Amino acid sequence: MLHCSQLACSLGHTATMKLICTSEHAMINHEDLVRKETALVRACSLGHEDIVQVLLDHPSVDVNRVSATHKETALHATCR
């Protein structure tokens, strides 16, 4: 199942991601069940710079979290 944050990242919906980040229940560091990556890794791999910035501004985002499938961090995804 794709979570709202991963869906917003995949589609490049910056306004939606901003709204999600304001929720106290935002699952910012959660990996989706299909791609096994966080919203930050997904946004980086797709080159959605505005969404990456929104996520980096979130106080609880884990920039060093390694994705289960690709075994990469957001920095690895950006470079790829």
PDB file of N, CA and C in Angstrom:
ATOM      1  N   MET A   1       0.837  -1.184   0.000  1.00  0.00           N
ATOM      2  CA  MET A   1       0.000   0.000   0.000  1.00  0.00           C
ATOM      3  C   MET A   1       0.884   1.250   0.000  1.00  0.00           C
ATOM      4  N   LEU A   2       0.551   2.177  -0.845  1.00  0.00           N
ATOM      5  CA  LEU A   2       1.282   3.426  -0.935  1.00  0.00           C
ATOM      6  C   LEU A   2       0.698   4.420   0.066  1.00  0.00           C
ATOM      7  N   HIS A   3       1.539   5.037   0.856  1.00  0.00           N
ATOM      8  CA  HIS A   3       1.078   6.046   1.806  1.00  0.00           C
ATOM      9  C   HIS A   3       0.970   7.386   1.099  1.00  0.00           C
ATOM     10  N   CYS A   4       0.228   8.285   1.679  1.00  0.00           N
ATOM     11  CA  CYS A   4      -0.010   9.595   1.065  1.00  0.00           C
ATOM     12  C   CYS A   4       1.287  10.335   0.775  1.00  0.00           C
ATOM     13  N   SER A   5       2.249  10.249   1.673  1.00  0.00           N
ATOM     14  CA  SER A   5       3.497  10.984   1.458  1.00  0.00           C
ATOM     15  C   SER A   5       4.251  10.441   0.246  1.00  0.00           C
ATOM     16  N   GLN A   6       4.285   9.126   0.070  1.00  0.00           N
ATOM     17  CA  GLN A   6       4.961   8.558  -1.094  1.00  0.00           C
ATOM     18  C   GLN A   6       4.207   8.881  -2.379  1.00  0.00           C
ATOM     19  N   LEU A   7       2.894   8.880  -2.313  1.00  0.00           N
ATOM     20  CA  LEU A   7       2.092   9.208  -3.492  1.00  0.00           C
ATOM     21  C   LEU A   7       2.309  10.662  -3.898  1.00  0.00           C
ATOM     22  N   ALA A   8       2.308  11.562  -2.934  1.00  0.00           N
ATOM     23  CA  ALA A   8       2.555  12.977  -3.232  1.00  0.00           C
ATOM     24  C   ALA A   8       3.944  13.162  -3.832  1.00  0.00           C
ATOM     25  N   CYS A   9       4.928  12.418  -3.315  1.00  0.00           N
ATOM     26  CA  CYS A   9       6.295  12.496  -3.860  1.00  0.00           C
ATOM     27  C   CYS A   9       6.334  11.969  -5.283  1.00  0.00           C
ATOM     28  N   SER A  10       5.707  10.846  -5.511  1.00  0.00           N
ATOM     29  CA  SER A  10       5.723  10.237  -6.840  1.00  0.00           C
ATOM     30  C   SER A  10       5.107  11.138  -7.889  1.00  0.00           C
ATOM     31  N   LEU A  11       4.053  11.847  -7.501  1.00  0.00           N
ATOM     32  CA  LEU A  11       3.335  12.697  -8.446  1.00  0.00           C
ATOM     33  C   LEU A  11       3.875  14.125  -8.497  1.00  0.00           C
ATOM     34  N   GLY A  12       4.789  14.453  -7.603  1.00  0.00           N
ATOM     35  CA  GLY A  12       5.364  15.793  -7.589  1.00  0.00           C
ATOM     36  C   GLY A  12       4.439  16.854  -7.033  1.00  0.00           C
ATOM     37  N   HIS A  13       3.572  16.487  -6.102  1.00  0.00           N
ATOM     38  CA  HIS A  13       2.606  17.421  -5.516  1.00  0.00           C
ATOM     39  C   HIS A  13       3.197  18.083  -4.270  1.00  0.00           C
ATOM     40  N   THR A  14       3.868  19.186  -4.481  1.00  0.00           N
ATOM     41  CA  THR A  14       4.528  19.894  -3.382  1.00  0.00           C
ATOM     42  C   THR A  14       3.525  20.409  -2.355  1.00  0.00           C
ATOM     43  N   ALA A  15       2.425  20.987  -2.813  1.00  0.00           N
ATOM     44  CA  ALA A  15       1.422  21.528  -1.887  1.00  0.00           C
ATOM     45  C   ALA A  15       0.844  20.420  -1.005  1.00  0.00           C
ATOM     46  N   THR A  16       0.623  19.254  -1.580  1.00  0.00           N
ATOM     47  CA  THR A  16       0.107  18.126  -0.806  1.00  0.00           C
ATOM     48  C   THR A  16       1.122  17.684   0.228  1.00  0.00           C
ATOM     49  N   MET A  17       2.389  17.639  -0.157  1.00  0.00           N
ATOM     50  CA  MET A  17       3.429  17.243   0.790  1.00  0.00           C
ATOM     51  C   MET A  17       3.546  18.241   1.930  1.00  0.00           C
ATOM     52  N   LYS A  18       3.413  19.526   1.633  1.00  0.00           N
ATOM     53  CA  LYS A  18       3.436  20.543   2.691  1.00  0.00           C
ATOM     54  C   LYS A  18       2.302  20.309   3.674  1.00  0.00           C
ATOM     55  N   LEU A  19       1.134  19.993   3.149  1.00  0.00           N
ATOM     56  CA  LEU A  19      -0.030  19.725   4.003  1.00  0.00           C
ATOM     57  C   LEU A  19       0.206  18.478   4.857  1.00  0.00           C
ATOM     58  N   ILE A  20       0.731  17.432   4.253  1.00  0.00           N
ATOM     59  CA  ILE A  20       1.014  16.201   4.997  1.00  0.00           C
ATOM     60  C   ILE A  20       2.001  16.469   6.125  1.00  0.00           C
ATOM     61  N   CYS A  21       3.004  17.278   5.855  1.00  0.00           N
ATOM     62  CA  CYS A  21       4.032  17.568   6.861  1.00  0.00           C
ATOM     63  C   CYS A  21       3.504  18.366   8.044  1.00  0.00           C
ATOM     64  N   THR A  22       2.371  19.016   7.889  1.00  0.00           N
ATOM     65  CA  THR A  22       1.791  19.761   9.009  1.00  0.00           C
ATOM     66  C   THR A  22       1.021  18.850   9.960  1.00  0.00           C
ATOM     67  N   SER A  23       0.714  17.640   9.526  1.00  0.00           N
ATOM     68  CA  SER A  23      -0.034  16.707  10.359  1.00  0.00           C
ATOM     69  C   SER A  23       0.864  16.094  11.416  1.00  0.00           C
ATOM     70  N   GLU A  24       0.353  15.971  12.613  1.00  0.00           N
ATOM     71  CA  GLU A  24       1.135  15.340  13.677  1.00  0.00           C
ATOM     72  C   GLU A  24       1.255  13.832  13.461  1.00  0.00           C
ATOM     73  N   HIS A  25       0.452  13.286  12.562  1.00  0.00           N
ATOM     74  CA  HIS A  25       0.470  11.856  12.269  1.00  0.00           C
ATOM     75  C   HIS A  25       1.190  11.536  10.962  1.00  0.00           C
ATOM     76  N   ALA A  26       1.932  12.494  10.440  1.00  0.00           N
ATOM     77  CA  ALA A  26       2.646  12.290   9.174  1.00  0.00           C
ATOM     78  C   ALA A  26       3.655  11.154   9.323  1.00  0.00           C
ATOM     79  N   MET A  27       3.635  10.258   8.357  1.00  0.00           N
ATOM     80  CA  MET A  27       4.540   9.107   8.377  1.00  0.00           C
ATOM     81  C   MET A  27       5.729   9.411   7.457  1.00  0.00           C
ATOM     82  N   ILE A  28       6.502  10.404   7.831  1.00  0.00           N
ATOM     83  CA  ILE A  28       7.570  10.928   6.990  1.00  0.00           C
ATOM     84  C   ILE A  28       8.671   9.902   6.743  1.00  0.00           C
ATOM     85  N   ASN A  29       9.043   9.139   7.746  1.00  0.00           N
ATOM     86  CA  ASN A  29      10.143   8.186   7.602  1.00  0.00           C
ATOM     87  C   ASN A  29       9.686   6.759   7.323  1.00  0.00           C
ATOM     88  N   HIS A  30       8.404   6.585   7.089  1.00  0.00           N
ATOM     89  CA  HIS A  30       7.848   5.260   6.849  1.00  0.00           C
ATOM     90  C   HIS A  30       8.109   4.829   5.399  1.00  0.00           C
ATOM     91  N   GLU A  31       8.471   3.575   5.202  1.00  0.00           N
ATOM     92  CA  GLU A  31       8.650   3.043   3.856  1.00  0.00           C
ATOM     93  C   GLU A  31       7.323   2.485   3.350  1.00  0.00           C
ATOM     94  N   ASP A  32       7.035   2.734   2.060  1.00  0.00           N
ATOM     95  CA  ASP A  32       5.825   2.140   1.500  1.00  0.00           C
ATOM     96  C   ASP A  32       6.051   0.641   1.331  1.00  0.00           C
ATOM     97  N   LEU A  33       4.970  -0.117   1.228  1.00  0.00           N
ATOM     98  CA  LEU A  33       5.062  -1.572   1.185  1.00  0.00           C
ATOM     99  C   LEU A  33       5.478  -2.109  -0.182  1.00  0.00           C
ATOM    100  N   VAL A  34       5.363  -1.301  -1.223  1.00  0.00           N
ATOM    101  CA  VAL A  34       5.679  -1.761  -2.569  1.00  0.00           C
ATOM    102  C   VAL A  34       7.138  -1.478  -2.917  1.00  0.00           C
ATOM    103  N   ARG A  35       7.532  -0.214  -2.875  1.00  0.00           N
ATOM    104  CA  ARG A  35       8.881   0.176  -3.300  1.00  0.00           C
ATOM    105  C   ARG A  35       9.905   0.075  -2.181  1.00  0.00           C
ATOM    106  N   LYS A  36       9.440  -0.024  -0.943  1.00  0.00           N
ATOM    107  CA  LYS A  36      10.322  -0.128   0.217  1.00  0.00           C
ATOM    108  C   LYS A  36      11.294   1.041   0.311  1.00  0.00           C
ATOM    109  N   GLU A  37      10.745   2.256   0.174  1.00  0.00           N
ATOM    110  CA  GLU A  37      11.565   3.451   0.315  1.00  0.00           C
ATOM    111  C   GLU A  37      10.751   4.551   0.978  1.00  0.00           C
ATOM    112  N   THR A  38      11.451   5.484   1.600  1.00  0.00           N
ATOM    113  CA  THR A  38      10.775   6.594   2.267  1.00  0.00           C
ATOM    114  C   THR A  38      10.378   7.650   1.229  1.00  0.00           C
ATOM    115  N   ALA A  39       9.572   8.587   1.676  1.00  0.00           N
ATOM    116  CA  ALA A  39       9.155   9.692   0.800  1.00  0.00           C
ATOM    117  C   ALA A  39      10.367  10.499   0.348  1.00  0.00           C
ATOM    118  N   LEU A  40      11.332  10.698   1.238  1.00  0.00           N
ATOM    119  CA  LEU A  40      12.519  11.464   0.877  1.00  0.00           C
ATOM    120  C   LEU A  40      13.331  10.757  -0.203  1.00  0.00           C
ATOM    121  N   VAL A  41      13.544   9.473  -0.059  1.00  0.00           N
ATOM    122  CA  VAL A  41      14.287   8.716  -1.070  1.00  0.00           C
ATOM    123  C   VAL A  41      13.540   8.749  -2.397  1.00  0.00           C
ATOM    124  N   ARG A  42      12.227   8.613  -2.354  1.00  0.00           N
ATOM    125  CA  ARG A  42      11.418   8.641  -3.581  1.00  0.00           C
ATOM    126  C   ARG A  42      11.520  10.000  -4.266  1.00  0.00           C
ATOM    127  N   ALA A  43      11.366  11.073  -3.503  1.00  0.00           N
ATOM    128  CA  ALA A  43      11.448  12.421  -4.082  1.00  0.00           C
ATOM    129  C   ALA A  43      12.831  12.672  -4.672  1.00  0.00           C
ATOM    130  N   CYS A  44      13.872  12.206  -3.995  1.00  0.00           N
ATOM    131  CA  CYS A  44      15.237  12.382  -4.506  1.00  0.00           C
ATOM    132  C   CYS A  44      15.443  11.588  -5.791  1.00  0.00           C
ATOM    133  N   SER A  45      14.953  10.366  -5.825  1.00  0.00           N
ATOM    134  CA  SER A  45      15.168   9.534  -7.006  1.00  0.00           C
ATOM    135  C   SER A  45      14.423  10.066  -8.225  1.00  0.00           C
ATOM    136  N   LEU A  46      13.345  10.805  -7.991  1.00  0.00           N
ATOM    137  CA  LEU A  46      12.567  11.373  -9.095  1.00  0.00           C
ATOM    138  C   LEU A  46      12.980  12.810  -9.435  1.00  0.00           C
ATOM    139  N   GLY A  47      13.866  13.376  -8.632  1.00  0.00           N
ATOM    140  CA  GLY A  47      14.328  14.737  -8.899  1.00  0.00           C
ATOM    141  C   GLY A  47      13.342  15.829  -8.545  1.00  0.00           C
ATOM    142  N   HIS A  48      12.456  15.562  -7.592  1.00  0.00           N
ATOM    143  CA  HIS A  48      11.469  16.559  -7.165  1.00  0.00           C
ATOM    144  C   HIS A  48      12.091  17.444  -6.079  1.00  0.00           C
ATOM    145  N   GLU A  49      12.852  18.441  -6.524  1.00  0.00           N
ATOM    146  CA  GLU A  49      13.624  19.282  -5.607  1.00  0.00           C
ATOM    147  C   GLU A  49      12.751  20.033  -4.600  1.00  0.00           C
ATOM    148  N   ASP A  50      11.596  20.525  -5.024  1.00  0.00           N
ATOM    149  CA  ASP A  50      10.716  21.269  -4.110  1.00  0.00           C
ATOM    150  C   ASP A  50      10.230  20.368  -2.979  1.00  0.00           C
ATOM    151  N   ILE A  51       9.890  19.137  -3.309  1.00  0.00           N
ATOM    152  CA  ILE A  51       9.414  18.202  -2.285  1.00  0.00           C
ATOM    153  C   ILE A  51      10.562  17.796  -1.370  1.00  0.00           C
ATOM    154  N   VAL A  52      11.732  17.599  -1.934  1.00  0.00           N
ATOM    155  CA  VAL A  52      12.902  17.283  -1.109  1.00  0.00           C
ATOM    156  C   VAL A  52      13.112  18.388  -0.079  1.00  0.00           C
ATOM    157  N   GLN A  53      13.004  19.646  -0.493  1.00  0.00           N
ATOM    158  CA  GLN A  53      13.184  20.763   0.441  1.00  0.00           C
ATOM    159  C   GLN A  53      12.122  20.766   1.525  1.00  0.00           C
ATOM    160  N   VAL A  54      10.881  20.500   1.152  1.00  0.00           N
ATOM    161  CA  VAL A  54       9.798  20.421   2.147  1.00  0.00           C
ATOM    162  C   VAL A  54      10.126  19.347   3.178  1.00  0.00           C
ATOM    163  N   LEU A  55      10.576  18.189   2.707  1.00  0.00           N
ATOM    164  CA  LEU A  55      10.894  17.094   3.624  1.00  0.00           C
ATOM    165  C   LEU A  55      12.111  17.410   4.482  1.00  0.00           C
ATOM    166  N   LEU A  56      13.116  18.050   3.902  1.00  0.00           N
ATOM    167  CA  LEU A  56      14.306  18.403   4.683  1.00  0.00           C
ATOM    168  C   LEU A  56      13.993  19.437   5.760  1.00  0.00           C
ATOM    169  N   ASP A  57      12.958  20.250   5.527  1.00  0.00           N
ATOM    170  CA  ASP A  57      12.538  21.246   6.521  1.00  0.00           C
ATOM    171  C   ASP A  57      11.750  20.613   7.665  1.00  0.00           C
ATOM    172  N   HIS A  58      11.282  19.379   7.491  1.00  0.00           N
ATOM    173  CA  HIS A  58      10.515  18.690   8.532  1.00  0.00           C
ATOM    174  C   HIS A  58      11.477  18.244   9.637  1.00  0.00           C
ATOM    175  N   PRO A  59      11.176  18.566  10.891  1.00  0.00           N
ATOM    176  CA  PRO A  59      12.122  18.290  11.976  1.00  0.00           C
ATOM    177  C   PRO A  59      12.409  16.811  12.227  1.00  0.00           C
ATOM    178  N   SER A  60      11.533  15.916  11.826  1.00  0.00           N
ATOM    179  CA  SER A  60      11.773  14.504  12.150  1.00  0.00           C
ATOM    180  C   SER A  60      12.230  13.656  10.963  1.00  0.00           C
ATOM    181  N   VAL A  61      12.507  14.282   9.827  1.00  0.00           N
ATOM    182  CA  VAL A  61      12.942  13.493   8.670  1.00  0.00           C
ATOM    183  C   VAL A  61      14.318  12.878   8.953  1.00  0.00           C
ATOM    184  N   ASP A  62      14.462  11.618   8.578  1.00  0.00           N
ATOM    185  CA  ASP A  62      15.722  10.896   8.778  1.00  0.00           C
ATOM    186  C   ASP A  62      16.450  10.820   7.437  1.00  0.00           C
ATOM    187  N   VAL A  63      17.422  11.716   7.241  1.00  0.00           N
ATOM    188  CA  VAL A  63      18.129  11.784   5.955  1.00  0.00           C
ATOM    189  C   VAL A  63      19.082  10.605   5.762  1.00  0.00           C
ATOM    190  N   ASN A  64      19.399   9.898   6.814  1.00  0.00           N
ATOM    191  CA  ASN A  64      20.335   8.782   6.718  1.00  0.00           C
ATOM    192  C   ASN A  64      19.657   7.415   6.702  1.00  0.00           C
ATOM    193  N   ARG A  65      18.341   7.396   6.646  1.00  0.00           N
ATOM    194  CA  ARG A  65      17.623   6.116   6.614  1.00  0.00           C
ATOM    195  C   ARG A  65      17.922   5.390   5.305  1.00  0.00           C
ATOM    196  N   VAL A  66      18.229   4.125   5.401  1.00  0.00           N
ATOM    197  CA  VAL A  66      18.559   3.306   4.239  1.00  0.00           C
ATOM    198  C   VAL A  66      17.307   2.559   3.786  1.00  0.00           C
ATOM    199  N   SER A  67      16.998   2.646   2.491  1.00  0.00           N
ATOM    200  CA  SER A  67      15.821   1.959   1.960  1.00  0.00           C
ATOM    201  C   SER A  67      16.051   0.449   1.946  1.00  0.00           C
ATOM    202  N   ALA A  68      14.995  -0.301   2.164  1.00  0.00           N
ATOM    203  CA  ALA A  68      15.096  -1.757   2.268  1.00  0.00           C
ATOM    204  C   ALA A  68      15.423  -2.412   0.933  1.00  0.00           C
ATOM    205  N   THR A  69      14.845  -1.934  -0.141  1.00  0.00           N
ATOM    206  CA  THR A  69      15.028  -2.577  -1.440  1.00  0.00           C
ATOM    207  C   THR A  69      16.369  -2.261  -2.078  1.00  0.00           C
ATOM    208  N   HIS A  70      16.657  -0.981  -2.220  1.00  0.00           N
ATOM    209  CA  HIS A  70      17.863  -0.574  -2.934  1.00  0.00           C
ATOM    210  C   HIS A  70      19.075  -0.392  -2.029  1.00  0.00           C
ATOM    211  N   LYS A  71      18.848  -0.456  -0.722  1.00  0.00           N
ATOM    212  CA  LYS A  71      19.924  -0.261   0.251  1.00  0.00           C
ATOM    213  C   LYS A  71      20.649   1.059   0.016  1.00  0.00           C
ATOM    214  N   GLU A  72      19.846   2.134  -0.143  1.00  0.00           N
ATOM    215  CA  GLU A  72      20.438   3.440  -0.395  1.00  0.00           C
ATOM    216  C   GLU A  72      19.776   4.511   0.454  1.00  0.00           C
ATOM    217  N   THR A  73      20.526   5.577   0.718  1.00  0.00           N
ATOM    218  CA  THR A  73      19.989   6.731   1.426  1.00  0.00           C
ATOM    219  C   THR A  73      19.458   7.720   0.387  1.00  0.00           C
ATOM    220  N   ALA A  74      18.910   8.820   0.865  1.00  0.00           N
ATOM    221  CA  ALA A  74      18.419   9.860  -0.042  1.00  0.00           C
ATOM    222  C   ALA A  74      19.557  10.430  -0.891  1.00  0.00           C
ATOM    223  N   LEU A  75      20.734  10.546  -0.316  1.00  0.00           N
ATOM    224  CA  LEU A  75      21.878  11.047  -1.084  1.00  0.00           C
ATOM    225  C   LEU A  75      22.239  10.090  -2.224  1.00  0.00           C
ATOM    226  N   HIS A  76      22.216   8.797  -1.947  1.00  0.00           N
ATOM    227  CA  HIS A  76      22.466   7.808  -3.012  1.00  0.00           C
ATOM    228  C   HIS A  76      21.430   7.935  -4.122  1.00  0.00           C
ATOM    229  N   ALA A  77      20.156   8.079  -3.732  1.00  0.00           N
ATOM    230  CA  ALA A  77      19.083   8.204  -4.725  1.00  0.00           C
ATOM    231  C   ALA A  77      19.250   9.460  -5.566  1.00  0.00           C
ATOM    232  N   THR A  78      19.691  10.541  -4.940  1.00  0.00           N
ATOM    233  CA  THR A  78      19.924  11.786  -5.666  1.00  0.00           C
ATOM    234  C   THR A  78      21.043  11.611  -6.701  1.00  0.00           C
ATOM    235  N   CYS A  79      22.095  10.972  -6.290  1.00  0.00           N
ATOM    236  CA  CYS A  79      23.232  10.753  -7.206  1.00  0.00           C
ATOM    237  C   CYS A  79      22.861   9.821  -8.355  1.00  0.00           C
ATOM    238  N   ARG A  80      22.051   8.825  -8.056  1.00  0.00           N
ATOM    239  CA  ARG A  80      21.629   7.878  -9.089  1.00  0.00           C
ATOM    240  C   ARG A  80      20.827   8.586 -10.150  1.00  0.00           C
TER     241      ARG A  80
END
